Amino acid sequence: RFKIATNVAYKHRIKNSKLKNETSLDDIDPSVITERWDETIVPKYDSTGRKWENLSSEILKDLDKYGININENIKKNGERVWIHWTNKPIFDDSGNVLYILSVGNDITDNIRLHRELIDSEQKFKAICNSAQDAIILIDNDGNIIYWNNSAENIFHYSEGEVLGKNLHKLLAPEKYHVNHFSAMEKFKATGEGNAIGKTLDLTALRKNGEEFPIELYLSAIKIKDKWNAVGIIRDTSERKKIEKLLKERTEALEKSNKELEEFAYIASHDLQEPLRMISSYVQLLERRYKNKLDQDANDFISYAVEGSARMKALINDLLAYSRVGTKGKEFAKTNISDILKKVLQNLQIALEENKVEISIGPMPVIMADDTQMIQLFQNLIGNAIKFKNKNPPKISIDCKEKNGNYIFSVSDNGIGIEKEYYDRIFMIFQRLHTRDKYPGTGIGLAVCKKIVERHGGSIWLESEVGKGTIFYFSIPKREALDG
């Protein structure tokens, strides 16, 4: 008998298919030494689909093929294990085969680890291939060793076309090659570089030679003592187009605002001066000659006085509208209760003349432009007074918090607004009634909308004709800035 430093060893006698056990694991049944080996320690078929009873003859026919064999076996307790077999024929003095000596090592753990590695790799590939960004892995020489589906979609190269190819030569425009290669030398030695751990805006090449913008995040990983790099790449072509369009629109808006400021200056100076002169002389004409002219002349003078007054009001309202965005103050803590007190003082005469009943709920302190808040509430309350019905006006002002916003409401019992005009009334110069019945320039609600939007909110209404209207507007909750 001999001992072999392995998990299991046996001799398979060719003539009667008997086992002679030489050394085994404790959990291999010793009784197998006199049993048919192809019925005892293994299933009828091996894990590769071959019948065990034919294996010995196959081994003799092709020693090179079956000298080493890996298959699944069964322990005494029924557990299946994977064994790495080394099979060797033993000859007698005449050269006849007496035995096949089989030496086996339990490689179940290796098989399990191998399968886990395959599963892990499949999961890794599934995750990477589901990503919208390109994920590319390069080795220490800058050659591509991993390429996901999104990389193929972005660069239009298949995985087979890029594996083993130099990343920079393939995907970077030639004008950047020198910088890329010098940076790669430093990275190979240290795993460090100016691009590592940062998100960069760069230019890349598609397969057809088209240059396009990308966003690259690069990180370093060490594999077998060599630095490799993982790049996560996003095609920013569409985003850049949107950014360009947004920039163009912003520039156009800035130009428009500048022109509006220039108009405001003209309106406040150049237009006001001749208007004041016209108004002054017409009023002087009215005072001096009112009773010296016929009725038609008096009417004509009256029309001129009213027209100049309307023009002055219109210019002032246009000036107020243009200044909402250009002359607004920085936001500061603003107590809306104090704002409403000032508004009611400004409207005191109108409130008394129209016998207005007004109620005000609890009001917050918000971050806002206090002057514009006065203007906003004064316009809304003024409209509620102006557009009254036959009953004395009842106005209610409230506020509640919702989804990070203050929602203010100004409700009345006035004439109401038809639904088809809800959007129109916030447009500049839009009027729903004749000037004789309800005087005004048609700019007030447009100013309200602009003020609310400057504060980051929105304005809307609910109304029922003959019963009244509720104007709502939102102002985002903001924390006061330190200092």
Protein backbone atom coordinates (compact mmCIF):
# COMPACT_ATOMS: atom_id res chain seq x y z
CA ARG A 1 0.00 0.00 0.00
CA PHE A 2 1.17 3.56 -0.67
CA LYS A 3 0.10 7.01 0.49
CA ILE A 4 -0.52 9.95 -1.81
CA ALA A 5 -0.91 13.53 -0.54
CA THR A 6 -4.27 14.18 -2.09
CA ASN A 7 -8.01 14.09 -1.33
CA VAL A 8 -8.79 10.69 -2.83
CA ALA A 9 -6.96 7.97 -4.77
CA TYR A 10 -7.98 4.55 -6.06
CA LYS A 11 -6.98 1.78 -8.44
CA HIS A 12 -9.52 0.68 -10.99
CA ARG A 13 -8.93 -2.99 -11.91
CA ILE A 14 -9.64 -3.35 -15.60
CA LYS A 15 -10.86 -6.98 -15.53
CA ASN A 16 -13.67 -6.70 -12.98
CA SER A 17 -14.22 -2.99 -12.50
CA LYS A 18 -13.39 -3.29 -8.79
CA LEU A 19 -12.10 -0.42 -6.70
CA LYS A 20 -9.08 -0.66 -4.49
CA ASN A 21 -9.06 2.38 -2.21
CA GLU A 22 -5.59 3.69 -1.39
CA THR A 23 -6.39 6.93 0.44
CA SER A 24 -9.58 8.95 0.81
CA LEU A 25 -11.38 11.65 2.66
CA ASP A 26 -13.10 10.65 5.90
CA ASP A 27 -16.50 11.17 4.33
CA ILE A 28 -15.89 8.73 1.43
CA ASP A 29 -17.56 5.46 2.35
CA PRO A 30 -14.83 2.75 2.95
CA SER A 31 -17.22 0.12 1.64
CA VAL A 32 -16.62 1.35 -1.87
CA ILE A 33 -13.32 -0.52 -2.02
CA THR A 34 -15.16 -3.68 -3.04
CA GLU A 35 -18.03 -2.13 -4.95
CA ARG A 36 -18.36 -1.16 -8.57
CA TRP A 37 -16.95 2.38 -8.67
CA ASP A 38 -19.29 3.44 -11.45
CA GLU A 39 -22.33 2.79 -9.23
CA THR A 40 -21.10 3.97 -5.83
CA ILE A 41 -19.22 7.25 -5.59
CA VAL A 42 -20.53 8.89 -8.73
CA PRO A 43 -23.87 9.20 -10.55
CA LYS A 44 -24.57 6.93 -13.50
CA TYR A 45 -23.58 9.75 -15.84
CA ASP A 46 -20.83 12.23 -15.10
CA SER A 47 -21.41 15.97 -15.18
CA THR A 48 -20.25 16.08 -18.80
CA GLY A 49 -22.92 13.56 -19.86
CA ARG A 50 -20.68 10.47 -20.25
CA LYS A 51 -21.48 7.01 -18.80
CA TRP A 52 -18.99 6.06 -16.13
CA GLU A 53 -18.89 2.43 -17.20
CA ASN A 54 -17.36 3.50 -20.50
CA LEU A 55 -14.78 5.84 -19.00
CA SER A 56 -12.02 3.28 -18.36
CA SER A 57 -11.97 2.13 -21.97
CA GLU A 58 -12.00 5.75 -23.12
CA ILE A 59 -9.04 6.53 -20.87
CA LEU A 60 -7.06 3.65 -22.39
CA LYS A 61 -7.90 4.71 -25.93
CA ASP A 62 -6.96 8.38 -25.43
CA LEU A 63 -4.57 8.96 -22.53
CA ASP A 64 -3.94 12.58 -23.55
CA LYS A 65 -7.65 13.41 -23.49
CA TYR A 66 -8.54 11.69 -20.23
CA GLY A 67 -5.26 11.92 -18.34
CA ILE A 68 -6.84 14.84 -16.54
CA ASN A 69 -10.57 14.90 -15.97
CA ILE A 70 -12.89 17.20 -13.98
CA ASN A 71 -16.36 16.09 -12.99
CA GLU A 72 -18.96 15.98 -10.25
CA ASN A 73 -18.94 13.18 -7.62
CA ILE A 74 -21.02 12.11 -4.62
CA LYS A 75 -19.88 11.88 -1.00
CA LYS A 76 -21.14 9.35 1.51
CA ASN A 77 -23.60 11.91 2.89
CA GLY A 78 -25.03 12.52 -0.58
CA GLU A 79 -23.29 15.85 -1.07
CA ARG A 80 -22.04 16.47 -4.58
CA VAL A 81 -18.47 17.64 -4.97
CA TRP A 82 -16.27 18.55 -7.90
CA ILE A 83 -13.07 16.47 -8.26
CA HIS A 84 -10.03 17.13 -10.40
CA TRP A 85 -8.87 13.64 -11.48
CA THR A 86 -5.46 12.60 -12.74
CA ASN A 87 -5.75 9.17 -14.40
CA LYS A 88 -2.71 7.00 -15.12
CA PRO A 89 -2.57 3.37 -16.39
CA ILE A 90 -0.37 0.94 -14.40
CA PHE A 91 1.32 -1.74 -16.55
CA ASP A 92 2.66 -5.23 -15.69
CA ASP A 93 6.02 -6.56 -16.83
CA SER A 94 4.51 -7.62 -20.14
CA GLY A 95 3.12 -4.16 -20.86
CA ASN A 96 -0.46 -5.05 -20.11
CA VAL A 97 -2.60 -2.55 -18.19
CA LEU A 98 -3.33 -3.81 -14.70
CA TYR A 99 -4.92 -0.74 -13.18
CA ILE A 100 -5.91 2.81 -13.86
CA LEU A 101 -4.57 4.87 -10.96
CA SER A 102 -6.88 7.82 -10.37
CA VAL A 103 -5.83 10.62 -8.04
CA GLY A 104 -8.43 13.25 -7.25
CA ASN A 105 -8.42 16.68 -5.60
CA ASP A 106 -11.59 18.30 -4.27
CA ILE A 107 -11.96 21.57 -6.19
CA THR A 108 -15.54 22.30 -5.15
CA ASP A 109 -14.55 25.61 -3.53
CA ASN A 110 -12.68 26.60 -6.66
CA ILE A 111 -15.67 25.75 -8.83
CA ARG A 112 -17.96 27.69 -6.50
CA LEU A 113 -15.66 30.70 -6.52
CA HIS A 114 -15.39 30.46 -10.29
CA ARG A 115 -19.17 30.41 -10.64
CA GLU A 116 -19.51 33.31 -8.19
CA LEU A 117 -16.94 35.20 -10.22
CA ILE A 118 -18.91 34.53 -13.40
CA ASP A 119 -22.14 35.62 -11.67
CA SER A 120 -20.42 38.73 -10.35
CA GLU A 121 -19.03 39.53 -13.78
CA GLN A 122 -22.46 39.05 -15.36
CA LYS A 123 -24.03 41.35 -12.77
CA PHE A 124 -21.28 43.90 -13.34
CA LYS A 125 -21.86 43.80 -17.09
CA ALA A 126 -25.64 43.99 -16.65
CA ILE A 127 -25.33 47.05 -14.41
CA CYS A 128 -22.80 48.76 -16.68
CA ASN A 129 -24.76 47.98 -19.81
CA SER A 130 -27.93 49.42 -18.30
CA ALA A 131 -26.17 52.73 -17.56
CA GLN A 132 -26.94 55.65 -19.85
CA ASP A 133 -23.34 56.87 -19.61
CA ALA A 134 -20.41 55.24 -21.36
CA ILE A 135 -18.23 53.23 -18.97
CA ILE A 136 -14.73 52.50 -20.25
CA LEU A 137 -11.84 50.76 -18.48
CA ILE A 138 -8.27 51.21 -19.70
CA ASP A 139 -5.15 49.37 -18.58
CA ASN A 140 -1.78 50.71 -17.54
CA ASP A 141 -0.81 51.32 -21.17
CA GLY A 142 -3.97 53.25 -21.98
CA ASN A 143 -5.54 50.38 -23.91
CA ILE A 144 -9.27 49.69 -23.67
CA ILE A 145 -10.15 46.55 -21.68
CA TYR A 146 -13.85 47.19 -21.00
CA TRP A 147 -16.50 48.88 -23.16
CA ASN A 148 -20.20 48.98 -22.24
CA ASN A 149 -23.26 49.30 -24.48
CA SER A 150 -23.61 53.04 -23.96
CA ALA A 151 -20.01 53.52 -25.07
CA GLU A 152 -20.97 51.77 -28.30
CA ASN A 153 -24.06 53.99 -28.67
CA ILE A 154 -22.11 57.18 -28.04
CA PHE A 155 -18.93 56.51 -30.03
CA HIS A 156 -20.44 54.09 -32.62
CA TYR A 157 -17.64 51.52 -32.16
CA SER A 158 -18.53 47.93 -31.24
CA GLU A 159 -16.72 46.26 -28.35
CA GLY A 160 -14.76 44.07 -30.75
CA GLU A 161 -13.47 47.12 -32.61
CA VAL A 162 -11.99 48.82 -29.54
CA LEU A 163 -10.72 46.17 -27.12
CA GLY A 164 -6.94 46.36 -26.93
CA LYS A 165 -6.85 49.68 -28.81
CA ASN A 166 -5.34 52.84 -27.34
CA LEU A 167 -8.12 55.03 -25.96
CA HIS A 168 -6.52 58.38 -26.75
CA LYS A 169 -5.57 57.50 -30.33
CA LEU A 170 -9.07 56.21 -30.97
CA LEU A 171 -11.32 58.73 -29.22
CA ALA A 172 -9.36 61.96 -28.68
CA PRO A 173 -8.83 64.58 -31.42
CA GLU A 174 -5.22 64.59 -32.61
CA LYS A 175 -4.55 68.09 -31.28
CA TYR A 176 -4.92 66.73 -27.73
CA HIS A 177 -2.69 63.66 -28.12
CA VAL A 178 0.52 65.21 -26.74
CA ASN A 179 -1.17 66.34 -23.54
CA HIS A 180 -2.97 63.00 -23.13
CA PHE A 181 0.17 60.90 -23.56
CA SER A 182 2.28 63.01 -21.17
CA ALA A 183 -0.47 62.80 -18.55
CA MET A 184 -0.67 59.03 -19.09
CA GLU A 185 3.02 58.57 -18.26
CA LYS A 186 2.52 60.21 -14.88
CA PHE A 187 -0.61 58.17 -14.26
CA LYS A 188 1.13 54.86 -15.08
CA ALA A 189 3.72 55.52 -12.39
CA THR A 190 1.63 57.06 -9.61
CA GLY A 191 -2.08 56.59 -10.36
CA GLU A 192 -2.36 60.37 -10.09
CA GLY A 193 -3.17 63.10 -12.55
CA ASN A 194 -4.89 66.44 -13.00
CA ALA A 195 -8.01 64.72 -14.35
CA ILE A 196 -8.34 62.02 -11.65
CA GLY A 197 -11.35 62.47 -9.39
CA LYS A 198 -12.71 65.41 -11.38
CA THR A 199 -15.50 66.02 -13.85
CA LEU A 200 -14.18 67.62 -17.03
CA ASP A 201 -15.76 69.07 -20.15
CA LEU A 202 -13.80 67.72 -23.14
CA THR A 203 -14.09 67.06 -26.86
CA ALA A 204 -14.16 63.49 -28.24
CA LEU A 205 -14.33 61.74 -31.62
CA ARG A 206 -17.00 59.44 -32.96
CA LYS A 207 -16.17 56.63 -35.36
CA ASN A 208 -17.09 58.82 -38.34
CA GLY A 209 -14.60 61.50 -37.24
CA GLU A 210 -17.24 63.86 -35.85
CA GLU A 211 -16.07 65.91 -32.87
CA PHE A 212 -18.60 66.30 -30.07
CA PRO A 213 -18.66 67.54 -26.46
CA ILE A 214 -18.46 65.11 -23.54
CA GLU A 215 -18.41 65.22 -19.77
CA LEU A 216 -15.75 62.87 -18.33
CA TYR A 217 -15.27 61.62 -14.78
CA LEU A 218 -12.03 59.68 -14.34
CA SER A 219 -10.99 57.49 -11.39
CA ALA A 220 -7.95 55.28 -10.74
CA ILE A 221 -8.01 51.62 -9.64
CA LYS A 222 -5.10 49.27 -9.02
CA ILE A 223 -5.18 45.85 -10.67
CA LYS A 224 -2.24 43.45 -10.15
CA ASP A 225 -0.01 46.29 -8.89
CA LYS A 226 -0.68 48.36 -12.00
CA TRP A 227 -2.77 51.50 -12.27
CA ASN A 228 -5.86 51.28 -14.44
CA ALA A 229 -8.42 54.00 -15.10
CA VAL A 230 -12.22 53.97 -15.24
CA GLY A 231 -13.87 56.68 -17.31
CA ILE A 232 -17.56 57.56 -17.07
CA ILE A 233 -18.50 59.58 -20.13
CA ARG A 234 -21.67 61.48 -20.95
CA ASP A 235 -22.51 62.86 -24.38
CA THR A 236 -23.40 66.51 -23.71
CA SER A 237 -24.26 67.45 -27.29
CA GLU A 238 -27.95 68.05 -26.59
CA ARG A 239 -27.24 69.82 -23.32
CA LYS A 240 -24.75 72.12 -25.04
CA LYS A 241 -27.34 72.94 -27.71
CA ILE A 242 -29.86 73.81 -25.00
CA GLU A 243 -27.25 75.85 -23.10
CA LYS A 244 -26.40 77.73 -26.29
CA LEU A 245 -30.06 78.41 -26.98
CA LEU A 246 -30.57 79.50 -23.37
CA LYS A 247 -27.55 81.79 -23.60
CA GLU A 248 -28.87 83.34 -26.80
CA ARG A 249 -32.28 83.87 -25.23
CA THR A 250 -30.70 85.31 -22.09
CA GLU A 251 -28.67 87.72 -24.18
CA ALA A 252 -31.79 88.66 -26.10
CA LEU A 253 -33.66 89.18 -22.83
CA GLU A 254 -30.83 91.30 -21.45
CA LYS A 255 -30.90 93.35 -24.64
CA SER A 256 -34.67 93.70 -24.34
CA ASN A 257 -34.35 94.74 -20.69
CA LYS A 258 -31.74 97.30 -21.64
CA GLU A 259 -34.02 98.66 -24.32
CA LEU A 260 -36.84 98.70 -21.78
CA GLU A 261 -34.67 100.68 -19.38
CA GLU A 262 -33.91 103.13 -22.16
CA PHE A 263 -37.62 103.38 -22.88
CA ALA A 264 -38.32 103.95 -19.20
CA TYR A 265 -35.80 106.77 -19.17
CA ILE A 266 -37.40 108.30 -22.26
CA ALA A 267 -40.87 107.86 -20.75
CA SER A 268 -39.85 109.45 -17.48
CA HIS A 269 -38.00 112.38 -19.01
CA ASP A 270 -38.40 113.05 -22.72
CA LEU A 271 -42.11 112.14 -22.94
CA GLN A 272 -43.15 113.60 -19.60
CA GLU A 273 -41.81 117.05 -20.33
CA PRO A 274 -43.88 117.81 -23.48
CA LEU A 275 -46.88 116.13 -21.87
CA ARG A 276 -46.62 118.43 -18.85
CA MET A 277 -46.44 121.43 -21.19
CA ILE A 278 -49.51 120.31 -23.15
CA SER A 279 -51.43 119.56 -19.98
CA SER A 280 -50.50 122.88 -18.38
CA TYR A 281 -51.52 125.00 -21.37
CA VAL A 282 -54.77 123.10 -21.91
CA GLN A 283 -55.69 123.53 -18.24
CA LEU A 284 -54.77 127.23 -18.46
CA LEU A 285 -56.95 127.54 -21.55
CA GLU A 286 -59.82 125.90 -19.69
CA ARG A 287 -59.52 128.24 -16.69
CA ARG A 288 -59.25 131.45 -18.74
CA TYR A 289 -61.77 130.85 -21.49
CA LYS A 290 -64.26 128.33 -20.08
CA ASN A 291 -67.10 130.82 -19.88
CA LYS A 292 -66.04 132.87 -22.92
CA LEU A 293 -66.41 130.12 -25.53
CA ASP A 294 -69.39 128.20 -26.80
CA GLN A 295 -70.29 124.75 -25.46
CA ASP A 296 -68.51 122.89 -28.22
CA ALA A 297 -65.27 124.70 -27.45
CA ASN A 298 -65.66 123.93 -23.76
CA ASP A 299 -66.20 120.25 -24.58
CA PHE A 300 -63.13 120.16 -26.80
CA ILE A 301 -61.00 121.68 -24.06
CA SER A 302 -62.41 119.18 -21.54
CA TYR A 303 -61.54 116.27 -23.86
CA ALA A 304 -58.00 117.58 -24.20
CA VAL A 305 -57.60 117.86 -20.40
CA GLU A 306 -58.92 114.31 -19.87
CA GLY A 307 -56.73 112.95 -22.68
CA SER A 308 -53.56 114.47 -21.27
CA ALA A 309 -54.45 113.11 -17.82
CA ARG A 310 -54.95 109.61 -19.28
CA MET A 311 -51.66 109.89 -21.16
CA LYS A 312 -49.86 110.86 -17.96
CA ALA A 313 -51.41 107.91 -16.11
CA LEU A 314 -50.51 105.57 -18.96
CA ILE A 315 -46.88 106.71 -19.04
CA ASN A 316 -46.61 106.39 -15.26
CA ASP A 317 -48.06 102.87 -15.37
CA LEU A 318 -45.75 101.86 -18.21
CA LEU A 319 -42.86 103.22 -16.22
CA ALA A 320 -43.97 101.19 -13.19
CA TYR A 321 -44.27 98.06 -15.33
CA SER A 322 -40.81 98.47 -16.85
CA ARG A 323 -39.20 99.09 -13.47
CA VAL A 324 -40.48 95.89 -11.83
CA GLY A 325 -37.52 93.88 -13.10
CA THR A 326 -34.94 96.63 -13.51
CA LYS A 327 -35.41 98.86 -10.48
CA GLY A 328 -36.52 96.34 -7.87
CA LYS A 329 -34.82 96.27 -4.48
CA GLU A 330 -33.02 93.29 -2.96
CA PHE A 331 -35.29 90.94 -1.04
CA ALA A 332 -35.37 91.50 2.72
CA LYS A 333 -37.52 90.42 5.65
CA THR A 334 -40.94 91.92 4.98
CA ASN A 335 -43.84 91.82 7.40
CA ILE A 336 -46.96 91.51 5.26
CA SER A 337 -49.17 92.79 8.10
CA ASP A 338 -47.21 96.05 8.03
CA ILE A 339 -47.45 96.13 4.23
CA LEU A 340 -51.23 95.85 4.37
CA LYS A 341 -51.47 98.66 6.92
CA LYS A 342 -49.65 100.97 4.49
CA VAL A 343 -51.85 99.83 1.60
CA LEU A 344 -55.05 100.54 3.55
CA GLN A 345 -53.73 103.97 4.45
CA ASN A 346 -53.06 104.68 0.77
CA LEU A 347 -56.58 103.51 -0.14
CA GLN A 348 -58.33 105.07 2.86
CA ILE A 349 -60.47 107.52 0.88
CA ALA A 350 -61.63 104.86 -1.61
CA LEU A 351 -62.39 102.46 1.25
CA GLU A 352 -64.51 105.04 3.06
CA GLU A 353 -66.31 106.32 -0.03
CA ASN A 354 -67.32 102.79 -1.07
CA LYS A 355 -68.06 101.59 2.50
CA VAL A 356 -65.73 98.63 2.06
CA GLU A 357 -65.85 95.83 4.62
CA ILE A 358 -62.39 94.29 4.82
CA SER A 359 -60.98 91.39 6.84
CA ILE A 360 -57.35 90.30 7.11
CA GLY A 361 -56.13 86.94 8.40
CA PRO A 362 -52.75 86.17 10.03
CA MET A 363 -49.90 87.22 7.75
CA PRO A 364 -46.31 85.93 7.59
CA VAL A 365 -42.93 87.63 7.42
CA ILE A 366 -41.41 86.83 4.02
CA MET A 367 -38.30 87.61 1.98
CA ALA A 368 -39.48 90.18 -0.55
CA ASP A 369 -39.17 93.65 -2.05
CA ASP A 370 -41.41 95.63 0.33
CA THR A 371 -42.12 98.41 -2.19
CA GLN A 372 -43.33 95.90 -4.77
CA MET A 373 -45.43 94.10 -2.16
CA ILE A 374 -47.23 97.39 -1.48
CA GLN A 375 -47.75 97.85 -5.21
CA LEU A 376 -49.04 94.27 -5.59
CA PHE A 377 -51.59 94.36 -2.77
CA GLN A 378 -52.66 97.90 -3.63
CA ASN A 379 -53.46 96.90 -7.22
CA LEU A 380 -55.42 93.80 -6.16
CA ILE A 381 -57.39 95.56 -3.40
CA GLY A 382 -57.92 98.59 -5.65
CA ASN A 383 -59.42 96.34 -8.34
CA ALA A 384 -61.69 94.70 -5.76
CA ILE A 385 -63.01 98.16 -4.88
CA LYS A 386 -63.28 99.34 -8.49
CA PHE A 387 -65.08 96.30 -9.90
CA LYS A 388 -67.85 96.21 -7.31
CA ASN A 389 -71.48 95.38 -7.93
CA LYS A 390 -74.48 97.14 -6.39
CA ASN A 391 -73.65 95.87 -2.90
CA PRO A 392 -70.90 97.40 -0.71
CA PRO A 393 -67.58 95.62 -1.35
CA LYS A 394 -66.49 92.84 1.00
CA ILE A 395 -62.79 92.04 0.72
CA SER A 396 -60.97 89.23 2.52
CA ILE A 397 -57.18 88.78 2.57
CA ASP A 398 -55.69 85.49 3.77
CA CYS A 399 -52.52 83.40 3.62
CA LYS A 400 -51.64 79.73 4.07
CA GLU A 401 -48.50 77.61 3.63
CA LYS A 402 -48.35 74.84 1.04
CA ASN A 403 -45.45 72.88 -0.47
CA GLY A 404 -42.80 75.39 0.56
CA ASN A 405 -44.81 78.41 -0.60
CA TYR A 406 -46.94 81.11 0.96
CA ILE A 407 -50.28 81.19 -0.86
CA PHE A 408 -51.94 84.61 -0.53
CA SER A 409 -55.53 85.27 -1.54
CA VAL A 410 -57.54 88.47 -2.09
CA SER A 411 -61.25 87.75 -2.50
CA ASP A 412 -64.20 90.07 -3.19
CA ASN A 413 -67.94 90.00 -3.85
CA GLY A 414 -67.71 92.05 -7.04
CA ILE A 415 -68.85 91.60 -10.63
CA GLY A 416 -66.67 88.57 -11.33
CA ILE A 417 -64.77 87.54 -14.47
CA GLU A 418 -65.74 85.08 -17.17
CA LYS A 419 -63.41 82.07 -17.38
CA GLU A 420 -62.41 82.74 -20.98
CA TYR A 421 -60.68 85.94 -19.84
CA TYR A 422 -58.63 84.44 -16.97
CA ASP A 423 -55.33 84.57 -18.88
CA ARG A 424 -56.04 87.67 -20.90
CA ILE A 425 -56.45 89.99 -17.91
CA PHE A 426 -52.77 89.55 -16.94
CA MET A 427 -51.61 90.85 -20.34
CA ILE A 428 -50.54 94.47 -20.68
CA PHE A 429 -53.19 96.93 -22.00
CA GLN A 430 -55.95 94.30 -21.76
CA ARG A 431 -59.32 95.66 -20.65
CA LEU A 432 -62.60 93.79 -20.25
CA HIS A 433 -64.75 96.90 -19.79
CA THR A 434 -65.06 100.34 -21.34
CA ARG A 435 -63.03 103.20 -19.91
CA ASP A 436 -66.20 105.18 -19.16
CA LYS A 437 -67.57 102.44 -16.91
CA TYR A 438 -64.34 101.38 -15.22
CA PRO A 439 -61.43 103.83 -15.66
CA GLY A 440 -57.83 102.64 -15.84
CA THR A 441 -54.95 101.87 -18.18
CA GLY A 442 -55.19 98.06 -18.27
CA ILE A 443 -51.68 97.62 -16.88
CA GLY A 444 -52.34 96.96 -13.17
CA LEU A 445 -52.70 93.16 -13.28
CA ALA A 446 -49.79 92.85 -15.72
CA VAL A 447 -47.67 94.65 -13.11
CA CYS A 448 -48.97 92.25 -10.43
CA LYS A 449 -47.97 89.24 -12.54
CA LYS A 450 -44.51 90.64 -13.18
CA ILE A 451 -43.96 91.36 -9.47
CA VAL A 452 -45.04 87.86 -8.44
CA GLU A 453 -42.83 86.23 -11.08
CA ARG A 454 -39.86 88.34 -10.01
CA HIS A 455 -40.34 86.83 -6.55
CA GLY A 456 -40.37 83.30 -8.02
CA GLY A 457 -44.11 82.72 -7.68
CA SER A 458 -47.20 82.57 -9.85
CA ILE A 459 -50.60 84.27 -9.89
CA TRP A 460 -54.03 82.89 -10.81
CA LEU A 461 -57.70 83.40 -10.05
CA GLU A 462 -61.07 81.82 -9.46
CA SER A 463 -64.23 83.73 -10.27
CA GLU A 464 -67.96 83.50 -10.76
CA VAL A 465 -69.74 86.18 -12.72
CA GLY A 466 -71.98 88.26 -10.45
CA LYS A 467 -70.63 86.72 -7.25
CA GLY A 468 -67.01 87.74 -7.00
CA THR A 469 -63.38 86.87 -7.63
CA ILE A 470 -60.48 85.39 -5.68
CA PHE A 471 -56.95 86.26 -6.79
CA TYR A 472 -54.25 83.89 -5.55
CA PHE A 473 -50.50 84.32 -5.73
CA SER A 474 -47.61 82.28 -4.36
CA ILE A 475 -44.32 83.47 -2.89
CA PRO A 476 -41.64 80.83 -2.12
CA LYS A 477 -40.49 80.53 1.48
CA ARG A 478 -36.91 81.75 1.69
CA GLU A 479 -34.43 81.96 4.53
CA ALA A 480 -32.90 85.35 5.24
CA LEU A 481 -29.30 85.65 4.08
CA ASP A 482 -26.73 86.10 6.84
CA GLY A 483 -25.42 89.63 7.11
